Amino acid sequence: MSLDLLYTPKMNALIRPQVESYIFMTCHRAANTDNLQNFEQIINAISNINTHVIFALHPRTKKILKDHYPDWNPSHVEMINPPGFWETQAYIKFADFVITDSGGIIKEAYFHKVPAIIIDKQTEWIETVQEGWNTIAGPNSSRILSAISEWKKPKVHTNCLGDGKAGARITFEILKYLNAQK
């Protein structure tokens, strides 16, 4: 049902971020932020990307950067506070790529037909990987960079995660059940 929101007219009103070409990034899972080897692999990859990166910083990620990497501030990386839901949708929708360990953002990137590089060792949304829209790179610098440079747009996008009508279907089934109880 979470994708139902993305099929609303509000999606057409999203405002494009000021940057023309960029990668939208989030990193918040403890496996990536609390494990400094993993985190270093991720920020090394980001340091070597030749595109503007908009990095939405979770409070835990911000603290790790401040405490362990205070001088990490590549000129092409724009670090921002976590945006709200609709602003996040705009960042995803207009991005060239998404780099994330967030299950929700992986799903939303697929909806927007934007490739996601998954910096986790797995995903709940394996169908999006099978279709070629998302790539599991894990917290590995060379695999993250390879996933970006080698990505080719898939021929299919099946809406395997839903069509935005789950809420209507659920309502219909509940009403049908309630009417049958009369």
C-alpha atoms as a PDB file:
ATOM      1  CA  MET A   1       0.000   0.000   0.000  1.00  0.00           C
ATOM      2  CA  SER A   2       2.915   2.390   0.479  1.00  0.00           C
ATOM      3  CA  LEU A   3       3.226   2.926  -3.268  1.00  0.00           C
ATOM      4  CA  ASP A   4      -0.391   4.125  -3.456  1.00  0.00           C
ATOM      5  CA  LEU A   5       0.780   7.604  -2.399  1.00  0.00           C
ATOM      6  CA  LEU A   6       3.100   7.754  -5.383  1.00  0.00           C
ATOM      7  CA  TYR A   7       0.177   7.420  -7.796  1.00  0.00           C
ATOM      8  CA  THR A   8      -1.475  10.632  -6.587  1.00  0.00           C
ATOM      9  CA  PRO A   9      -1.633  13.923  -8.528  1.00  0.00           C
ATOM     10  CA  LYS A  10       0.875  15.392  -6.056  1.00  0.00           C
ATOM     11  CA  MET A  11       3.588  13.396  -7.876  1.00  0.00           C
ATOM     12  CA  ASN A  12       3.101  15.594 -10.951  1.00  0.00           C
ATOM     13  CA  ALA A  13       3.717  18.718  -8.870  1.00  0.00           C
ATOM     14  CA  LEU A  14       7.179  17.724  -7.631  1.00  0.00           C
ATOM     15  CA  ILE A  15       9.778  20.426  -8.127  1.00  0.00           C
ATOM     16  CA  ARG A  16      13.073  19.431  -9.667  1.00  0.00           C
ATOM     17  CA  PRO A  17      16.147  20.114  -7.498  1.00  0.00           C
ATOM     18  CA  GLN A  18      18.381  22.939  -8.754  1.00  0.00           C
ATOM     19  CA  VAL A  19      21.148  20.572  -9.876  1.00  0.00           C
ATOM     20  CA  GLU A  20      20.795  19.232 -13.421  1.00  0.00           C
ATOM     21  CA  SER A  21      22.595  15.900 -13.047  1.00  0.00           C
ATOM     22  CA  TYR A  22      23.094  14.192  -9.703  1.00  0.00           C
ATOM     23  CA  ILE A  23      23.016  11.049  -7.605  1.00  0.00           C
ATOM     24  CA  PHE A  24      20.736  11.006  -4.566  1.00  0.00           C
ATOM     25  CA  MET A  25      22.189   9.108  -1.636  1.00  0.00           C
ATOM     26  CA  THR A  26      21.189   7.888   1.801  1.00  0.00           C
ATOM     27  CA  CYS A  27      23.092   5.661   4.207  1.00  0.00           C
ATOM     28  CA  HIS A  28      21.689   4.899   7.629  1.00  0.00           C
ATOM     29  CA  ARG A  29      21.737   1.187   8.467  1.00  0.00           C
ATOM     30  CA  ALA A  30      23.893   0.287  11.457  1.00  0.00           C
ATOM     31  CA  ALA A  31      25.698  -2.356   9.378  1.00  0.00           C
ATOM     32  CA  ASN A  32      27.076   0.508   7.272  1.00  0.00           C
ATOM     33  CA  THR A  33      27.414   3.336   9.774  1.00  0.00           C
ATOM     34  CA  ASP A  34      28.611   1.469  12.857  1.00  0.00           C
ATOM     35  CA  ASN A  35      31.085  -0.664  10.918  1.00  0.00           C
ATOM     36  CA  LEU A  36      33.800   1.844   9.978  1.00  0.00           C
ATOM     37  CA  GLN A  37      35.329  -0.472   7.353  1.00  0.00           C
ATOM     38  CA  ASN A  38      31.990  -0.589   5.545  1.00  0.00           C
ATOM     39  CA  PHE A  39      31.422   3.134   5.955  1.00  0.00           C
ATOM     40  CA  GLU A  40      34.878   3.940   4.634  1.00  0.00           C
ATOM     41  CA  GLN A  41      34.270   1.775   1.544  1.00  0.00           C
ATOM     42  CA  ILE A  42      31.064   3.711   0.881  1.00  0.00           C
ATOM     43  CA  ILE A  43      32.527   7.197   1.308  1.00  0.00           C
ATOM     44  CA  ASN A  44      35.588   6.228  -0.749  1.00  0.00           C
ATOM     45  CA  ALA A  45      33.256   5.297  -3.599  1.00  0.00           C
ATOM     46  CA  ILE A  46      31.373   8.572  -3.232  1.00  0.00           C
ATOM     47  CA  SER A  47      34.659  10.485  -3.246  1.00  0.00           C
ATOM     48  CA  ASN A  48      35.488   8.936  -6.629  1.00  0.00           C
ATOM     49  CA  ILE A  49      32.188   9.596  -8.398  1.00  0.00           C
ATOM     50  CA  ASN A  50      32.410  12.240 -11.120  1.00  0.00           C
ATOM     51  CA  THR A  51      28.859  13.493 -10.591  1.00  0.00           C
ATOM     52  CA  HIS A  52      27.221  15.795  -8.086  1.00  0.00           C
ATOM     53  CA  VAL A  53      25.973  13.759  -5.091  1.00  0.00           C
ATOM     54  CA  ILE A  54      23.133  14.914  -2.852  1.00  0.00           C
ATOM     55  CA  PHE A  55      23.725  13.005   0.385  1.00  0.00           C
ATOM     56  CA  ALA A  56      20.781  13.093   2.813  1.00  0.00           C
ATOM     57  CA  LEU A  57      22.408  12.603   6.200  1.00  0.00           C
ATOM     58  CA  HIS A  58      20.653  10.505   8.812  1.00  0.00           C
ATOM     59  CA  PRO A  59      21.603  11.744  12.328  1.00  0.00           C
ATOM     60  CA  ARG A  60      23.676   8.576  12.910  1.00  0.00           C
ATOM     61  CA  THR A  61      25.535   9.102   9.619  1.00  0.00           C
ATOM     62  CA  LYS A  62      26.148  12.757  10.421  1.00  0.00           C
ATOM     63  CA  LYS A  63      27.615  11.774  13.816  1.00  0.00           C
ATOM     64  CA  ILE A  64      29.923   9.156  12.257  1.00  0.00           C
ATOM     65  CA  LEU A  65      31.201  11.722   9.750  1.00  0.00           C
ATOM     66  CA  LYS A  66      31.741  14.310  12.490  1.00  0.00           C
ATOM     67  CA  ASP A  67      33.435  11.885  14.897  1.00  0.00           C
ATOM     68  CA  HIS A  68      35.558   9.827  12.493  1.00  0.00           C
ATOM     69  CA  TYR A  69      35.831  11.716   9.182  1.00  0.00           C
ATOM     70  CA  PRO A  70      35.631  15.428  10.079  1.00  0.00           C
ATOM     71  CA  ASP A  71      37.692  16.434   7.038  1.00  0.00           C
ATOM     72  CA  TRP A  72      35.639  14.415   4.527  1.00  0.00           C
ATOM     73  CA  ASN A  73      33.953  17.065   2.427  1.00  0.00           C
ATOM     74  CA  PRO A  74      34.372  16.417  -1.317  1.00  0.00           C
ATOM     75  CA  SER A  75      33.388  19.457  -3.378  1.00  0.00           C
ATOM     76  CA  HIS A  76      30.928  17.439  -5.483  1.00  0.00           C
ATOM     77  CA  VAL A  77      29.041  16.103  -2.432  1.00  0.00           C
ATOM     78  CA  GLU A  78      26.200  18.222  -1.084  1.00  0.00           C
ATOM     79  CA  MET A  79      25.296  17.037   2.405  1.00  0.00           C
ATOM     80  CA  ILE A  80      21.730  17.852   3.423  1.00  0.00           C
ATOM     81  CA  ASN A  81      19.472  17.180   6.400  1.00  0.00           C
ATOM     82  CA  PRO A  82      16.951  14.381   5.891  1.00  0.00           C
ATOM     83  CA  PRO A  83      14.225  15.718   3.583  1.00  0.00           C
ATOM     84  CA  GLY A  84      10.515  15.116   4.095  1.00  0.00           C
ATOM     85  CA  PHE A  85       8.595  12.507   2.114  1.00  0.00           C
ATOM     86  CA  TRP A  86       7.628  14.615  -0.915  1.00  0.00           C
ATOM     87  CA  GLU A  87      11.015  16.333  -1.150  1.00  0.00           C
ATOM     88  CA  THR A  88      12.642  12.885  -1.036  1.00  0.00           C
ATOM     89  CA  GLN A  89      10.388  11.810  -3.896  1.00  0.00           C
ATOM     90  CA  ALA A  90      11.568  14.796  -5.937  1.00  0.00           C
ATOM     91  CA  TYR A  91      15.217  13.999  -5.225  1.00  0.00           C
ATOM     92  CA  ILE A  92      14.650  10.389  -6.303  1.00  0.00           C
ATOM     93  CA  LYS A  93      12.469  11.126  -9.341  1.00  0.00           C
ATOM     94  CA  PHE A  94      14.944  13.513 -10.960  1.00  0.00           C
ATOM     95  CA  ALA A  95      18.173  11.684 -10.010  1.00  0.00           C
ATOM     96  CA  ASP A  96      20.419   9.852 -12.455  1.00  0.00           C
ATOM     97  CA  PHE A  97      21.006   7.185  -9.795  1.00  0.00           C
ATOM     98  CA  VAL A  98      20.156   6.500  -6.187  1.00  0.00           C
ATOM     99  CA  ILE A  99      22.680   5.011  -3.761  1.00  0.00           C
ATOM    100  CA  THR A 100      21.021   3.706  -0.621  1.00  0.00           C
ATOM    101  CA  ASP A 101      20.660   1.093   2.068  1.00  0.00           C
ATOM    102  CA  SER A 102      17.030   2.081   2.695  1.00  0.00           C
ATOM    103  CA  GLY A 103      14.437  -0.509   1.702  1.00  0.00           C
ATOM    104  CA  GLY A 104      11.803   2.173   1.185  1.00  0.00           C
ATOM    105  CA  ILE A 105      14.003   4.267  -1.084  1.00  0.00           C
ATOM    106  CA  ILE A 106      14.962   1.178  -3.117  1.00  0.00           C
ATOM    107  CA  LYS A 107      11.264   0.604  -3.770  1.00  0.00           C
ATOM    108  CA  GLU A 108      10.568   4.271  -4.539  1.00  0.00           C
ATOM    109  CA  ALA A 109      13.492   4.465  -6.974  1.00  0.00           C
ATOM    110  CA  TYR A 110      12.024   1.492  -8.835  1.00  0.00           C
ATOM    111  CA  PHE A 111       8.645   3.235  -9.007  1.00  0.00           C
ATOM    112  CA  HIS A 112      10.320   6.328 -10.510  1.00  0.00           C
ATOM    113  CA  LYS A 113      12.331   4.160 -12.944  1.00  0.00           C
ATOM    114  CA  VAL A 114      15.584   5.411 -11.450  1.00  0.00           C
ATOM    115  CA  PRO A 115      18.350   2.843 -10.928  1.00  0.00           C
ATOM    116  CA  ALA A 116      19.365   2.197  -7.341  1.00  0.00           C
ATOM    117  CA  ILE A 117      22.747   0.987  -6.195  1.00  0.00           C
ATOM    118  CA  ILE A 118      22.080  -0.931  -2.994  1.00  0.00           C
ATOM    119  CA  ILE A 119      24.858  -0.511  -0.426  1.00  0.00           C
ATOM    120  CA  ASP A 120      23.560  -3.389   1.620  1.00  0.00           C
ATOM    121  CA  LYS A 121      24.319  -7.087   1.170  1.00  0.00           C
ATOM    122  CA  GLN A 122      20.693  -7.902   0.356  1.00  0.00           C
ATOM    123  CA  THR A 123      17.325  -6.375  -0.438  1.00  0.00           C
ATOM    124  CA  GLU A 124      13.737  -7.222   0.311  1.00  0.00           C
ATOM    125  CA  TRP A 125      12.885  -6.124  -3.236  1.00  0.00           C
ATOM    126  CA  ILE A 126      14.745  -8.814  -5.177  1.00  0.00           C
ATOM    127  CA  GLU A 127      12.332  -8.472  -8.123  1.00  0.00           C
ATOM    128  CA  THR A 128      13.771  -5.017  -8.814  1.00  0.00           C
ATOM    129  CA  VAL A 129      17.254  -6.534  -9.001  1.00  0.00           C
ATOM    130  CA  GLN A 130      16.044  -9.349 -11.262  1.00  0.00           C
ATOM    131  CA  GLU A 131      14.551  -6.785 -13.662  1.00  0.00           C
ATOM    132  CA  GLY A 132      17.883  -4.922 -13.723  1.00  0.00           C
ATOM    133  CA  TRP A 133      16.697  -1.661 -12.188  1.00  0.00           C
ATOM    134  CA  ASN A 134      18.576  -2.123  -8.928  1.00  0.00           C
ATOM    135  CA  THR A 135      22.014  -3.546  -8.225  1.00  0.00           C
ATOM    136  CA  ILE A 136      23.287  -4.986  -4.961  1.00  0.00           C
ATOM    137  CA  ALA A 137      26.812  -3.627  -4.543  1.00  0.00           C
ATOM    138  CA  GLY A 138      27.092  -3.913  -0.789  1.00  0.00           C
ATOM    139  CA  PRO A 139      29.469  -1.664   1.130  1.00  0.00           C
ATOM    140  CA  ASN A 140      32.213  -2.184  -1.453  1.00  0.00           C
ATOM    141  CA  SER A 141      33.802   0.805  -3.179  1.00  0.00           C
ATOM    142  CA  SER A 142      34.759  -0.908  -6.438  1.00  0.00           C
ATOM    143  CA  ARG A 143      31.371  -2.633  -6.792  1.00  0.00           C
ATOM    144  CA  ILE A 144      29.534   0.648  -6.175  1.00  0.00           C
ATOM    145  CA  LEU A 145      31.574   2.407  -8.863  1.00  0.00           C
ATOM    146  CA  SER A 146      31.224  -0.534 -11.275  1.00  0.00           C
ATOM    147  CA  ALA A 147      27.466  -0.655 -10.751  1.00  0.00           C
ATOM    148  CA  ILE A 148      27.230   2.974 -11.832  1.00  0.00           C
ATOM    149  CA  SER A 149      29.578   2.737 -14.812  1.00  0.00           C
ATOM    150  CA  GLU A 150      28.202  -0.562 -16.136  1.00  0.00           C
ATOM    151  CA  TRP A 151      24.460   0.043 -15.680  1.00  0.00           C
ATOM    152  CA  LYS A 152      22.282  -0.362 -18.754  1.00  0.00           C
ATOM    153  CA  LYS A 153      18.610   0.579 -18.809  1.00  0.00           C
ATOM    154  CA  PRO A 154      16.450  -2.554 -18.659  1.00  0.00           C
ATOM    155  CA  LYS A 155      13.979  -3.283 -21.435  1.00  0.00           C
ATOM    156  CA  VAL A 156      11.149  -3.966 -18.984  1.00  0.00           C
ATOM    157  CA  HIS A 157       9.547  -2.302 -16.006  1.00  0.00           C
ATOM    158  CA  THR A 158       6.678  -4.503 -14.874  1.00  0.00           C
ATOM    159  CA  ASN A 159       5.465  -2.600 -11.802  1.00  0.00           C
ATOM    160  CA  CYS A 160       6.298  -5.785  -9.914  1.00  0.00           C
ATOM    161  CA  LEU A 161       5.868  -3.920  -6.627  1.00  0.00           C
ATOM    162  CA  GLY A 162       2.308  -2.866  -7.356  1.00  0.00           C
ATOM    163  CA  ASP A 163       0.166  -0.492  -9.328  1.00  0.00           C
ATOM    164  CA  GLY A 164      -0.839   1.930  -6.588  1.00  0.00           C
ATOM    165  CA  LYS A 165      -4.296   0.449  -6.156  1.00  0.00           C
ATOM    166  CA  ALA A 166      -3.711  -1.712  -3.077  1.00  0.00           C
ATOM    167  CA  GLY A 167      -5.741   0.611  -0.854  1.00  0.00           C
ATOM    168  CA  ALA A 168      -8.728   0.492  -3.214  1.00  0.00           C
ATOM    169  CA  ARG A 169      -8.511  -3.307  -3.452  1.00  0.00           C
ATOM    170  CA  ILE A 170      -8.319  -3.697   0.326  1.00  0.00           C
ATOM    171  CA  THR A 171     -11.295  -1.372   0.794  1.00  0.00           C
ATOM    172  CA  PHE A 172     -13.290  -3.323  -1.792  1.00  0.00           C
ATOM    173  CA  GLU A 173     -12.548  -6.650  -0.088  1.00  0.00           C
ATOM    174  CA  ILE A 174     -13.432  -5.301   3.359  1.00  0.00           C
ATOM    175  CA  LEU A 175     -16.728  -3.893   2.089  1.00  0.00           C
ATOM    176  CA  LYS A 176     -17.477  -7.150   0.288  1.00  0.00           C
ATOM    177  CA  TYR A 177     -16.811  -9.076   3.500  1.00  0.00           C
ATOM    178  CA  LEU A 178     -18.929  -6.711   5.599  1.00  0.00           C
ATOM    179  CA  ASN A 179     -21.809  -6.856   3.127  1.00  0.00           C
ATOM    180  CA  ALA A 180     -21.679 -10.662   3.177  1.00  0.00           C
ATOM    181  CA  GLN A 181     -22.063 -10.566   6.972  1.00  0.00           C
ATOM    182  CA  LYS A 182     -25.473  -8.848   6.774  1.00  0.00           C
END
